Amino acid sequence: MKRFECRSLGQECPFSAQAETEEEVLAKAEEHAASAHNMQRGEETRAKIRANIREAQ
């Protein structure tokens, strides 16, 4: 199980995404980043998110 927390990008935001695969988490997190934080979709945003996806505990 993989997990991403918005706080890992320095945002004061309680959002987190959890899923079986990194790709599923990435899709959820990228959608949130675009809609909640006005971050542009693209490789730069994906790279930042991907670097902060961890194993769920």
N, C-alpha and C. Protein backbone atom coordinates (compact mmCIF):
# COMPACT_ATOMS: atom_id res chain seq x y z
N MET A 1 0.85 -1.18 0.00
CA MET A 1 0.00 0.00 0.00
C MET A 1 0.90 1.24 0.00
N LYS A 2 0.56 2.20 -0.84
CA LYS A 2 1.32 3.44 -0.98
C LYS A 2 0.51 4.61 -0.42
N ARG A 3 1.22 5.67 0.00
CA ARG A 3 0.56 6.83 0.60
C ARG A 3 1.31 8.11 0.25
N PHE A 4 0.54 9.17 0.04
CA PHE A 4 1.08 10.51 -0.17
C PHE A 4 0.35 11.47 0.76
N GLU A 5 1.10 12.38 1.38
CA GLU A 5 0.50 13.44 2.22
C GLU A 5 0.90 14.78 1.65
N CYS A 6 -0.06 15.66 1.50
CA CYS A 6 0.18 16.98 0.93
C CYS A 6 1.22 17.76 1.76
N ARG A 7 1.23 17.53 3.05
CA ARG A 7 2.19 18.20 3.93
C ARG A 7 3.64 17.95 3.50
N SER A 8 3.89 16.83 2.84
CA SER A 8 5.25 16.50 2.43
C SER A 8 5.78 17.47 1.37
N LEU A 9 4.88 18.23 0.75
CA LEU A 9 5.28 19.26 -0.22
C LEU A 9 5.30 20.64 0.40
N GLY A 10 5.19 20.71 1.73
CA GLY A 10 5.25 21.99 2.42
C GLY A 10 3.91 22.71 2.50
N GLN A 11 2.84 22.06 2.13
CA GLN A 11 1.51 22.66 2.20
C GLN A 11 0.92 22.45 3.59
N GLU A 12 0.19 23.41 4.06
CA GLU A 12 -0.56 23.23 5.31
C GLU A 12 -1.94 22.71 4.91
N CYS A 13 -1.98 21.44 4.57
CA CYS A 13 -3.17 20.82 4.00
C CYS A 13 -3.27 19.40 4.54
N PRO A 14 -4.44 19.00 5.00
CA PRO A 14 -4.60 17.67 5.57
C PRO A 14 -4.80 16.54 4.54
N PHE A 15 -4.78 16.86 3.25
CA PHE A 15 -5.03 15.85 2.23
C PHE A 15 -4.01 14.73 2.27
N SER A 16 -4.51 13.52 2.12
CA SER A 16 -3.64 12.37 1.90
C SER A 16 -4.34 11.42 0.94
N ALA A 17 -3.55 10.67 0.20
CA ALA A 17 -4.08 9.68 -0.73
C ALA A 17 -3.38 8.36 -0.44
N GLN A 18 -4.17 7.31 -0.49
CA GLN A 18 -3.63 5.98 -0.24
C GLN A 18 -4.24 5.02 -1.25
N ALA A 19 -3.41 4.13 -1.79
CA ALA A 19 -3.89 3.16 -2.77
C ALA A 19 -2.87 2.02 -2.86
N GLU A 20 -3.25 1.00 -3.60
CA GLU A 20 -2.39 -0.17 -3.76
C GLU A 20 -1.13 0.15 -4.55
N THR A 21 -1.25 1.02 -5.57
CA THR A 21 -0.09 1.28 -6.42
C THR A 21 0.32 2.75 -6.39
N GLU A 22 1.57 2.99 -6.74
CA GLU A 22 2.09 4.35 -6.82
C GLU A 22 1.32 5.16 -7.86
N GLU A 23 0.97 4.53 -8.98
CA GLU A 23 0.26 5.23 -10.05
C GLU A 23 -1.13 5.70 -9.59
N GLU A 24 -1.82 4.89 -8.81
CA GLU A 24 -3.14 5.29 -8.29
C GLU A 24 -3.01 6.47 -7.34
N VAL A 25 -2.02 6.42 -6.47
CA VAL A 25 -1.78 7.53 -5.54
C VAL A 25 -1.40 8.78 -6.32
N LEU A 26 -0.55 8.63 -7.30
CA LEU A 26 -0.12 9.76 -8.11
C LEU A 26 -1.30 10.44 -8.79
N ALA A 27 -2.21 9.67 -9.35
CA ALA A 27 -3.39 10.24 -10.02
C ALA A 27 -4.25 11.03 -9.04
N LYS A 28 -4.49 10.46 -7.87
CA LYS A 28 -5.31 11.16 -6.86
C LYS A 28 -4.63 12.44 -6.40
N ALA A 29 -3.33 12.35 -6.13
CA ALA A 29 -2.59 13.51 -5.63
C ALA A 29 -2.46 14.60 -6.68
N GLU A 30 -2.26 14.21 -7.93
CA GLU A 30 -2.15 15.20 -9.00
C GLU A 30 -3.48 15.95 -9.18
N GLU A 31 -4.57 15.24 -9.12
CA GLU A 31 -5.89 15.88 -9.22
C GLU A 31 -6.08 16.87 -8.06
N HIS A 32 -5.73 16.46 -6.87
CA HIS A 32 -5.85 17.35 -5.70
C HIS A 32 -4.96 18.57 -5.86
N ALA A 33 -3.71 18.38 -6.27
CA ALA A 33 -2.78 19.49 -6.43
C ALA A 33 -3.31 20.53 -7.42
N ALA A 34 -3.89 20.05 -8.49
CA ALA A 34 -4.44 20.96 -9.50
C ALA A 34 -5.66 21.70 -9.00
N SER A 35 -6.58 20.98 -8.35
CA SER A 35 -7.84 21.62 -7.95
C SER A 35 -7.72 22.42 -6.66
N ALA A 36 -6.94 21.97 -5.71
CA ALA A 36 -6.87 22.65 -4.42
C ALA A 36 -5.74 23.68 -4.33
N HIS A 37 -4.66 23.46 -5.06
CA HIS A 37 -3.49 24.33 -4.92
C HIS A 37 -3.08 25.01 -6.22
N ASN A 38 -3.89 24.86 -7.25
CA ASN A 38 -3.64 25.49 -8.55
C ASN A 38 -2.27 25.16 -9.12
N MET A 39 -1.77 23.96 -8.82
CA MET A 39 -0.50 23.52 -9.40
C MET A 39 -0.79 22.99 -10.80
N GLN A 40 0.08 23.31 -11.73
CA GLN A 40 -0.12 22.84 -13.10
C GLN A 40 0.16 21.35 -13.19
N ARG A 41 -0.66 20.67 -13.96
CA ARG A 41 -0.40 19.26 -14.22
C ARG A 41 0.80 19.16 -15.15
N GLY A 42 1.61 18.17 -14.93
CA GLY A 42 2.76 17.99 -15.80
C GLY A 42 3.87 17.24 -15.08
N GLU A 43 4.96 17.07 -15.77
CA GLU A 43 6.07 16.28 -15.25
C GLU A 43 6.66 16.84 -13.96
N GLU A 44 6.75 18.15 -13.85
CA GLU A 44 7.32 18.75 -12.63
C GLU A 44 6.48 18.42 -11.40
N THR A 45 5.17 18.58 -11.52
CA THR A 45 4.28 18.26 -10.41
C THR A 45 4.31 16.77 -10.11
N ARG A 46 4.26 15.94 -11.15
CA ARG A 46 4.31 14.49 -10.95
C ARG A 46 5.60 14.08 -10.25
N ALA A 47 6.72 14.68 -10.63
CA ALA A 47 8.02 14.34 -10.03
C ALA A 47 8.03 14.69 -8.54
N LYS A 48 7.47 15.86 -8.19
CA LYS A 48 7.42 16.26 -6.78
C LYS A 48 6.56 15.29 -5.97
N ILE A 49 5.42 14.93 -6.52
CA ILE A 49 4.53 14.00 -5.83
C ILE A 49 5.19 12.63 -5.72
N ARG A 50 5.69 12.13 -6.82
CA ARG A 50 6.28 10.79 -6.84
C ARG A 50 7.43 10.68 -5.83
N ALA A 51 8.23 11.73 -5.68
CA ALA A 51 9.35 11.72 -4.74
C ALA A 51 8.88 11.63 -3.28
N ASN A 52 7.61 11.92 -3.05
CA ASN A 52 7.09 11.92 -1.67
C ASN A 52 6.06 10.84 -1.41
N ILE A 53 5.93 9.87 -2.29
CA ILE A 53 5.06 8.72 -2.05
C ILE A 53 5.84 7.71 -1.22
N ARG A 54 5.22 7.26 -0.15
CA ARG A 54 5.86 6.34 0.79
C ARG A 54 5.02 5.08 0.97
N GLU A 55 5.60 4.10 1.59
CA GLU A 55 4.85 2.91 1.99
C GLU A 55 3.91 3.31 3.12
N ALA A 56 2.65 2.93 3.02
CA ALA A 56 1.68 3.21 4.07
C ALA A 56 2.02 2.35 5.28
N GLN A 57 1.79 2.93 6.45
CA GLN A 57 2.09 2.18 7.68
C GLN A 57 0.86 1.91 8.48
